[in-house]
C-alpha atoms as a PDB file:
ATOM      1  CA  MET A   1     -38.899 -32.263   7.141  1.00  0.00           C
ATOM      2  CA  SER A   2     -42.118 -30.974   8.719  1.00  0.00           C
ATOM      3  CA  ASP A   3     -40.994 -32.032  12.204  1.00  0.00           C
ATOM      4  CA  ILE A   4     -37.550 -30.551  11.681  1.00  0.00           C
ATOM      5  CA  LYS A   5     -39.041 -27.214  10.609  1.00  0.00           C
ATOM      6  CA  LYS A   6     -40.539 -26.801  14.091  1.00  0.00           C
ATOM      7  CA  LYS A   7     -37.049 -26.399  15.550  1.00  0.00           C
ATOM      8  CA  LYS A   8     -36.093 -22.782  14.919  1.00  0.00           C
ATOM      9  CA  ILE A   9     -32.378 -22.015  14.876  1.00  0.00           C
ATOM     10  CA  ILE A  10     -30.002 -19.371  13.536  1.00  0.00           C
ATOM     11  CA  ILE A  11     -28.106 -20.253  10.357  1.00  0.00           C
ATOM     12  CA  ALA A  12     -25.065 -18.108   9.532  1.00  0.00           C
ATOM     13  CA  VAL A  13     -23.718 -18.219   5.990  1.00  0.00           C
ATOM     14  CA  ASP A  14     -20.328 -16.522   5.596  1.00  0.00           C
ATOM     15  CA  GLY A  15     -17.722 -16.608   2.874  1.00  0.00           C
ATOM     16  CA  PHE A  16     -16.113 -14.872  -0.054  1.00  0.00           C
ATOM     17  CA  SER A  17     -17.889 -12.584  -2.514  1.00  0.00           C
ATOM     18  CA  SER A  18     -19.722 -14.089  -5.500  1.00  0.00           C
ATOM     19  CA  CYS A  19     -19.886 -17.571  -3.976  1.00  0.00           C
ATOM     20  CA  GLY A  20     -23.645 -17.694  -4.360  1.00  0.00           C
ATOM     21  CA  LYS A  21     -24.143 -17.122  -0.626  1.00  0.00           C
ATOM     22  CA  SER A  22     -27.323 -15.110  -1.070  1.00  0.00           C
ATOM     23  CA  THR A  23     -28.820 -17.539  -3.590  1.00  0.00           C
ATOM     24  CA  PHE A  24     -28.065 -20.476  -1.324  1.00  0.00           C
ATOM     25  CA  ALA A  25     -29.215 -18.717   1.837  1.00  0.00           C
ATOM     26  CA  LYS A  26     -32.481 -17.708   0.143  1.00  0.00           C
ATOM     27  CA  ALA A  27     -33.045 -21.303  -0.936  1.00  0.00           C
ATOM     28  CA  ILE A  28     -32.414 -22.554   2.615  1.00  0.00           C
ATOM     29  CA  ALA A  29     -34.818 -19.987   4.066  1.00  0.00           C
ATOM     30  CA  SER A  30     -37.488 -20.890   1.526  1.00  0.00           C
ATOM     31  CA  LYS A  31     -37.068 -24.612   2.194  1.00  0.00           C
ATOM     32  CA  LEU A  32     -37.316 -24.205   5.971  1.00  0.00           C
ATOM     33  CA  GLY A  33     -39.831 -21.369   6.088  1.00  0.00           C
ATOM     34  CA  TYR A  34     -37.194 -19.120   7.718  1.00  0.00           C
ATOM     35  CA  ILE A  35     -36.597 -15.373   7.329  1.00  0.00           C
ATOM     36  CA  PHE A  36     -33.698 -14.469   5.012  1.00  0.00           C
ATOM     37  CA  ILE A  37     -31.541 -11.403   5.722  1.00  0.00           C
ATOM     38  CA  ASP A  38     -29.025 -10.314   3.074  1.00  0.00           C
ATOM     39  CA  THR A  39     -26.397  -8.370   5.021  1.00  0.00           C
ATOM     40  CA  GLY A  40     -24.278  -7.827   1.924  1.00  0.00           C
ATOM     41  CA  ALA A  41     -27.154  -5.842   0.445  1.00  0.00           C
ATOM     42  CA  MET A  42     -27.099  -3.625   3.529  1.00  0.00           C
ATOM     43  CA  TYR A  43     -23.438  -2.699   3.003  1.00  0.00           C
ATOM     44  CA  ARG A  44     -24.116  -2.159  -0.688  1.00  0.00           C
ATOM     45  CA  ALA A  45     -27.033   0.115   0.227  1.00  0.00           C
ATOM     46  CA  VAL A  46     -24.790   2.295   2.399  1.00  0.00           C
ATOM     47  CA  THR A  47     -22.216   2.352  -0.419  1.00  0.00           C
ATOM     48  CA  LEU A  48     -24.841   3.423  -2.962  1.00  0.00           C
ATOM     49  CA  TYR A  49     -26.042   6.195  -0.655  1.00  0.00           C
ATOM     50  CA  ALA A  50     -22.452   7.373  -0.171  1.00  0.00           C
ATOM     51  CA  LEU A  51     -21.893   7.400  -3.933  1.00  0.00           C
ATOM     52  CA  GLU A  52     -25.068   9.372  -4.550  1.00  0.00           C
ATOM     53  CA  HIS A  53     -24.270  11.901  -1.809  1.00  0.00           C
ATOM     54  CA  GLY A  54     -20.679  12.715  -2.675  1.00  0.00           C
ATOM     55  CA  ALA A  55     -18.868  10.654  -0.030  1.00  0.00           C
ATOM     56  CA  ILE A  56     -17.193   8.568  -2.744  1.00  0.00           C
ATOM     57  CA  ARG A  57     -15.533  10.297  -5.700  1.00  0.00           C
ATOM     58  CA  SER A  58     -13.564   8.604  -8.488  1.00  0.00           C
ATOM     59  CA  GLY A  59     -13.643   5.368  -6.479  1.00  0.00           C
ATOM     60  CA  ILE A  60     -12.060   7.000  -3.415  1.00  0.00           C
ATOM     61  CA  VAL A  61     -14.028   6.538  -0.177  1.00  0.00           C
ATOM     62  CA  ASP A  62     -14.060   9.557   2.137  1.00  0.00           C
ATOM     63  CA  GLU A  63     -14.505   7.722   5.436  1.00  0.00           C
ATOM     64  CA  GLU A  64     -15.355  10.829   7.460  1.00  0.00           C
ATOM     65  CA  ALA A  65     -18.003  11.835   4.924  1.00  0.00           C
ATOM     66  CA  VAL A  66     -19.537   8.356   5.003  1.00  0.00           C
ATOM     67  CA  VAL A  67     -19.699   8.446   8.815  1.00  0.00           C
ATOM     68  CA  ARG A  68     -21.449  11.825   8.672  1.00  0.00           C
ATOM     69  CA  LEU A  69     -24.106  10.330   6.402  1.00  0.00           C
ATOM     70  CA  LEU A  70     -24.871   7.357   8.661  1.00  0.00           C
ATOM     71  CA  PRO A  71     -27.476   9.042  10.928  1.00  0.00           C
ATOM     72  CA  GLU A  72     -29.647   9.860   7.919  1.00  0.00           C
ATOM     73  CA  ILE A  73     -29.621   6.318   6.482  1.00  0.00           C
ATOM     74  CA  SER A  74     -32.551   4.035   7.296  1.00  0.00           C
ATOM     75  CA  ILE A  75     -32.550   0.485   5.904  1.00  0.00           C
ATOM     76  CA  ALA A  76     -35.467  -1.943   5.649  1.00  0.00           C
ATOM     77  CA  PHE A  77     -36.422  -5.113   3.804  1.00  0.00           C
ATOM     78  CA  ARG A  78     -39.859  -5.624   2.256  1.00  0.00           C
ATOM     79  CA  PHE A  79     -41.157  -8.798   0.667  1.00  0.00           C
ATOM     80  CA  ASN A  80     -41.697  -8.537  -3.103  1.00  0.00           C
ATOM     81  CA  PRO A  81     -44.282 -11.139  -4.223  1.00  0.00           C
ATOM     82  CA  GLU A  82     -43.241 -10.742  -7.867  1.00  0.00           C
ATOM     83  CA  ARG A  83     -39.703 -11.888  -7.048  1.00  0.00           C
ATOM     84  CA  GLY A  84     -40.661 -14.145  -4.164  1.00  0.00           C
ATOM     85  CA  ALA A  85     -37.941 -12.457  -2.137  1.00  0.00           C
ATOM     86  CA  SER A  86     -37.315  -9.329  -0.098  1.00  0.00           C
ATOM     87  CA  ASP A  87     -36.177  -6.048  -1.671  1.00  0.00           C
ATOM     88  CA  ILE A  88     -34.011  -3.572   0.197  1.00  0.00           C
ATOM     89  CA  TYR A  89     -35.082   0.025   0.793  1.00  0.00           C
ATOM     90  CA  VAL A  90     -33.066   3.054   1.872  1.00  0.00           C
ATOM     91  CA  ASN A  91     -35.119   5.825   3.447  1.00  0.00           C
ATOM     92  CA  GLY A  92     -38.211   4.306   1.844  1.00  0.00           C
ATOM     93  CA  ASP A  93     -36.642   4.158  -1.633  1.00  0.00           C
ATOM     94  CA  ARG A  94     -36.357   0.735  -3.291  1.00  0.00           C
ATOM     95  CA  VAL A  95     -32.700   0.294  -4.328  1.00  0.00           C
ATOM     96  CA  GLU A  96     -32.556  -3.453  -5.034  1.00  0.00           C
ATOM     97  CA  GLY A  97     -31.342  -3.085  -8.620  1.00  0.00           C
ATOM     98  CA  ARG A  98     -29.094  -0.070  -8.091  1.00  0.00           C
ATOM     99  CA  ILE A  99     -26.924  -1.747  -5.428  1.00  0.00           C
ATOM    100  CA  ARG A 100     -25.780  -4.538  -7.780  1.00  0.00           C
ATOM    101  CA  THR A 101     -23.702  -2.463 -10.214  1.00  0.00           C
ATOM    102  CA  ILE A 102     -19.963  -2.846 -10.728  1.00  0.00           C
ATOM    103  CA  GLU A 103     -19.486   0.724  -9.421  1.00  0.00           C
ATOM    104  CA  VAL A 104     -20.980  -0.265  -6.068  1.00  0.00           C
ATOM    105  CA  SER A 105     -19.024  -3.554  -6.110  1.00  0.00           C
ATOM    106  CA  ASN A 106     -15.758  -1.669  -6.573  1.00  0.00           C
ATOM    107  CA  CYS A 107     -16.401   0.546  -3.528  1.00  0.00           C
ATOM    108  CA  VAL A 108     -18.285  -1.669  -1.069  1.00  0.00           C
ATOM    109  CA  SER A 109     -15.204  -3.196   0.585  1.00  0.00           C
ATOM    110  CA  GLY A 110     -13.879   0.267   1.421  1.00  0.00           C
ATOM    111  CA  VAL A 111     -17.194   1.278   2.968  1.00  0.00           C
ATOM    112  CA  SER A 112     -17.549  -2.047   4.791  1.00  0.00           C
ATOM    113  CA  ALA A 113     -14.165  -1.549   6.435  1.00  0.00           C
ATOM    114  CA  ILE A 114     -15.305   1.595   8.251  1.00  0.00           C
ATOM    115  CA  PRO A 115     -15.847   0.629  11.934  1.00  0.00           C
ATOM    116  CA  GLU A 116     -18.807   2.999  12.380  1.00  0.00           C
ATOM    117  CA  VAL A 117     -20.561   1.458   9.372  1.00  0.00           C
ATOM    118  CA  ARG A 118     -20.067  -2.055  10.688  1.00  0.00           C
ATOM    119  CA  SER A 119     -21.198  -1.064  14.178  1.00  0.00           C
ATOM    120  CA  LYS A 120     -24.428   0.468  12.859  1.00  0.00           C
ATOM    121  CA  LEU A 121     -25.262  -2.448  10.575  1.00  0.00           C
ATOM    122  CA  VAL A 122     -24.280  -5.223  13.007  1.00  0.00           C
ATOM    123  CA  ALA A 123     -26.613  -3.713  15.617  1.00  0.00           C
ATOM    124  CA  LEU A 124     -29.403  -3.576  13.027  1.00  0.00           C
ATOM    125  CA  GLN A 125     -28.716  -7.166  11.942  1.00  0.00           C
ATOM    126  CA  GLN A 126     -28.817  -8.420  15.527  1.00  0.00           C
ATOM    127  CA  GLU A 127     -32.090  -6.596  16.036  1.00  0.00           C
ATOM    128  CA  MET A 128     -33.539  -8.132  12.841  1.00  0.00           C
ATOM    129  CA  GLY A 129     -32.431 -11.603  13.889  1.00  0.00           C
ATOM    130  CA  GLY A 130     -33.433 -11.401  17.525  1.00  0.00           C
ATOM    131  CA  ARG A 131     -35.827 -14.302  17.061  1.00  0.00           C
ATOM    132  CA  LYS A 132     -34.629 -17.650  15.794  1.00  0.00           C
ATOM    133  CA  GLY A 133     -35.729 -19.064  12.479  1.00  0.00           C
ATOM    134  CA  ILE A 134     -33.458 -16.905  10.345  1.00  0.00           C
ATOM    135  CA  VAL A 135     -30.826 -17.396   7.666  1.00  0.00           C
ATOM    136  CA  MET A 136     -28.325 -14.541   7.471  1.00  0.00           C
ATOM    137  CA  ASP A 137     -25.494 -14.302   4.976  1.00  0.00           C
ATOM    138  CA  GLY A 138     -22.482 -12.026   4.902  1.00  0.00           C
ATOM    139  CA  ARG A 139     -18.807 -11.910   5.872  1.00  0.00           C
ATOM    140  CA  ASP A 140     -18.833 -11.910   9.682  1.00  0.00           C
ATOM    141  CA  ILE A 141     -22.153 -13.434  10.722  1.00  0.00           C
ATOM    142  CA  GLY A 142     -20.704 -16.475  12.481  1.00  0.00           C
ATOM    143  CA  THR A 143     -17.804 -14.567  14.029  1.00  0.00           C
ATOM    144  CA  THR A 144     -19.341 -11.210  15.003  1.00  0.00           C
ATOM    145  CA  VAL A 145     -23.092 -10.900  14.446  1.00  0.00           C
ATOM    146  CA  PHE A 146     -24.266 -14.301  15.674  1.00  0.00           C
ATOM    147  CA  PRO A 147     -21.363 -16.276  17.158  1.00  0.00           C
ATOM    148  CA  GLN A 148     -24.023 -18.357  18.940  1.00  0.00           C
ATOM    149  CA  ALA A 149     -25.568 -19.558  15.646  1.00  0.00           C
ATOM    150  CA  GLU A 150     -26.367 -23.269  15.722  1.00  0.00           C
ATOM    151  CA  ILE A 151     -25.164 -23.742  12.135  1.00  0.00           C
ATOM    152  CA  LYS A 152     -22.254 -21.769  10.685  1.00  0.00           C
ATOM    153  CA  LEU A 153     -21.344 -22.268   7.048  1.00  0.00           C
ATOM    154  CA  PHE A 154     -18.276 -20.823   5.346  1.00  0.00           C
ATOM    155  CA  MET A 155     -18.650 -20.784   1.581  1.00  0.00           C
ATOM    156  CA  THR A 156     -15.792 -20.574  -0.870  1.00  0.00           C
ATOM    157  CA  ALA A 157     -15.102 -21.201  -4.552  1.00  0.00           C
ATOM    158  CA  ASP A 158     -12.298 -20.688  -7.039  1.00  0.00           C
ATOM    159  CA  PRO A 159     -11.925 -16.956  -7.887  1.00  0.00           C
ATOM    160  CA  LYS A 160     -12.202 -17.653 -11.621  1.00  0.00           C
ATOM    161  CA  VAL A 161     -15.460 -19.536 -11.065  1.00  0.00           C
ATOM    162  CA  ARG A 162     -16.809 -16.713  -8.932  1.00  0.00           C
ATOM    163  CA  ALA A 163     -15.811 -14.119 -11.530  1.00  0.00           C
ATOM    164  CA  ARG A 164     -17.613 -16.032 -14.273  1.00  0.00           C
ATOM    165  CA  ARG A 165     -20.774 -16.281 -12.162  1.00  0.00           C
ATOM    166  CA  ARG A 166     -20.708 -12.555 -11.440  1.00  0.00           C
ATOM    167  CA  TYR A 167     -20.014 -11.761 -15.103  1.00  0.00           C
ATOM    168  CA  ASP A 168     -22.974 -13.848 -16.239  1.00  0.00           C
ATOM    169  CA  GLU A 169     -25.218 -12.166 -13.668  1.00  0.00           C
ATOM    170  CA  LEU A 170     -24.263  -8.638 -14.732  1.00  0.00           C
ATOM    171  CA  THR A 171     -24.345  -9.232 -18.490  1.00  0.00           C
ATOM    172  CA  ALA A 172     -27.756 -10.875 -18.158  1.00  0.00           C
ATOM    173  CA  LYS A 173     -28.928  -7.533 -16.787  1.00  0.00           C
ATOM    174  CA  GLY A 174     -27.485  -5.721 -19.784  1.00  0.00           C
ATOM    175  CA  GLU A 175     -24.463  -4.276 -18.017  1.00  0.00           C
ATOM    176  CA  ARG A 176     -21.336  -3.948 -20.167  1.00  0.00           C
ATOM    177  CA  VAL A 177     -18.363  -5.299 -18.222  1.00  0.00           C
ATOM    178  CA  SER A 178     -15.315  -7.450 -18.960  1.00  0.00           C
ATOM    179  CA  LEU A 179     -14.577 -10.802 -17.348  1.00  0.00           C
ATOM    180  CA  GLU A 180     -11.064  -9.549 -16.534  1.00  0.00           C
ATOM    181  CA  GLU A 181     -12.487  -6.532 -14.708  1.00  0.00           C
ATOM    182  CA  ILE A 182     -14.808  -8.772 -12.694  1.00  0.00           C
ATOM    183  CA  GLU A 183     -12.021 -11.186 -11.698  1.00  0.00           C
ATOM    184  CA  CYS A 184      -9.847  -8.259 -10.630  1.00  0.00           C
ATOM    185  CA  ASN A 185     -12.746  -6.969  -8.526  1.00  0.00           C
ATOM    186  CA  VAL A 186     -13.306 -10.402  -6.949  1.00  0.00           C
ATOM    187  CA  ARG A 187      -9.637 -10.793  -5.978  1.00  0.00           C
ATOM    188  CA  SER A 188      -9.312  -7.239  -4.667  1.00  0.00           C
ATOM    189  CA  ARG A 189     -12.473  -7.653  -2.578  1.00  0.00           C
ATOM    190  CA  ASP A 190     -11.120 -10.904  -1.136  1.00  0.00           C
ATOM    191  CA  TYR A 191      -7.942  -9.129  -0.050  1.00  0.00           C
ATOM    192  CA  ALA A 192      -9.799  -6.133   1.364  1.00  0.00           C
ATOM    193  CA  ASP A 193     -12.322  -8.278   3.225  1.00  0.00           C
ATOM    194  CA  MET A 194      -9.636 -10.471   4.814  1.00  0.00           C
ATOM    195  CA  ASN A 195      -7.337  -7.598   5.775  1.00  0.00           C
ATOM    196  CA  ARG A 196      -9.679  -4.904   7.083  1.00  0.00           C
ATOM    197  CA  ALA A 197      -9.283  -3.893  10.726  1.00  0.00           C
ATOM    198  CA  ALA A 198     -12.983  -4.183  11.644  1.00  0.00           C
ATOM    199  CA  SER A 199     -14.427  -7.724  11.607  1.00  0.00           C
ATOM    200  CA  PRO A 200     -12.201  -9.168   8.861  1.00  0.00           C
ATOM    201  CA  LEU A 201     -13.466 -12.087   6.832  1.00  0.00           C
ATOM    202  CA  ARG A 202     -12.400 -15.309   8.499  1.00  0.00           C
ATOM    203  CA  ARG A 203     -13.815 -18.744   9.077  1.00  0.00           C
ATOM    204  CA  ALA A 204     -15.186 -19.284  12.578  1.00  0.00           C
ATOM    205  CA  GLU A 205     -13.490 -22.188  14.349  1.00  0.00           C
ATOM    206  CA  ASP A 206     -16.742 -24.162  14.431  1.00  0.00           C
ATOM    207  CA  ALA A 207     -17.873 -23.243  10.907  1.00  0.00           C
ATOM    208  CA  ILE A 208     -18.240 -25.928   8.246  1.00  0.00           C
ATOM    209  CA  GLU A 209     -16.633 -25.117   4.903  1.00  0.00           C
ATOM    210  CA  LEU A 210     -18.550 -25.574   1.675  1.00  0.00           C
ATOM    211  CA  ASP A 211     -16.540 -25.269  -1.549  1.00  0.00           C
ATOM    212  CA  ASN A 212     -19.183 -25.033  -4.251  1.00  0.00           C
ATOM    213  CA  SER A 213     -16.853 -24.516  -7.228  1.00  0.00           C
ATOM    214  CA  ARG A 214     -18.287 -27.608  -8.895  1.00  0.00           C
ATOM    215  CA  MET A 215     -21.622 -28.015  -7.115  1.00  0.00           C
ATOM    216  CA  THR A 216     -25.102 -27.142  -8.327  1.00  0.00           C
ATOM    217  CA  VAL A 217     -27.571 -25.397  -6.017  1.00  0.00           C
ATOM    218  CA  GLU A 218     -29.460 -28.702  -5.802  1.00  0.00           C
ATOM    219  CA  GLU A 219     -26.339 -30.571  -4.691  1.00  0.00           C
ATOM    220  CA  GLN A 220     -25.598 -27.902  -2.116  1.00  0.00           C
ATOM    221  CA  MET A 221     -29.137 -28.146  -0.744  1.00  0.00           C
ATOM    222  CA  GLU A 222     -28.922 -31.925  -0.450  1.00  0.00           C
ATOM    223  CA  TRP A 223     -25.645 -31.538   1.463  1.00  0.00           C
ATOM    224  CA  PHE A 224     -27.133 -28.871   3.725  1.00  0.00           C
ATOM    225  CA  LEU A 225     -30.340 -30.734   4.598  1.00  0.00           C
ATOM    226  CA  LYS A 226     -28.305 -33.674   5.874  1.00  0.00           C
ATOM    227  CA  LEU A 227     -26.292 -31.303   8.056  1.00  0.00           C
ATOM    228  CA  TYR A 228     -29.443 -29.528   9.256  1.00  0.00           C
ATOM    229  CA  ALA A 229     -31.084 -32.814  10.234  1.00  0.00           C
ATOM    230  CA  GLU A 230     -27.996 -33.850  12.207  1.00  0.00           C
ATOM    231  CA  VAL A 231     -27.754 -30.542  14.071  1.00  0.00           C
ATOM    232  CA  THR A 232     -31.452 -30.193  14.941  1.00  0.00           C
ATOM    233  CA  ALA A 233     -31.605 -33.822  16.071  1.00  0.00           C
ATOM    234  CA  ARG A 234     -29.127 -32.904  18.831  1.00  0.00           C
ATOM    235  CA  ILE A 235     -31.138 -29.909  20.059  1.00  0.00           C
END
């Protein structure tokens, strides 16, 4: 693996919500010594800011109000040695925990569908990933952000499996939610992500699908490393 690590490429990890994209992408980045960029966290950060500044009320997204807020939003990632991963900051304020609530989850698809939001964040993502040696996960990385990525993965899993994973994650943090509410959120986000006008969720023609409904993280990594070796051997 040491020789393979010398070959820096772009790895795009797209797919449905709650598929474990971020967990898997982080593991890949750690294994290869690459930089990990969580684009989903960026959209959640904008959503949180909109919620806290009155652009979303009772779950209704005021698109014009969100757009007006965009110039005052600055997003950055900083490595947290305690977690061994990067935390996200908005205007210098660490918001890593606050962006993972069900309230943000229920509104993020509406915010993500706003063309001005996507334009701002895609430009920032491309700037962050200007150098190779990155793993970026999201919904449109292989189709919009980095269509030139050497490896494009499209992750999927059964909605019920994804809902259970999300439920376990939230309840472990002490949040009181129902499994039914989570599954409804997962399915509604799938529909919104696939049917939005700006950069809808879709599998790039050259992306490789990974259905991890019944796979452990270890099994996924074994599968990926074989793929990575094949791709980098051709470069």
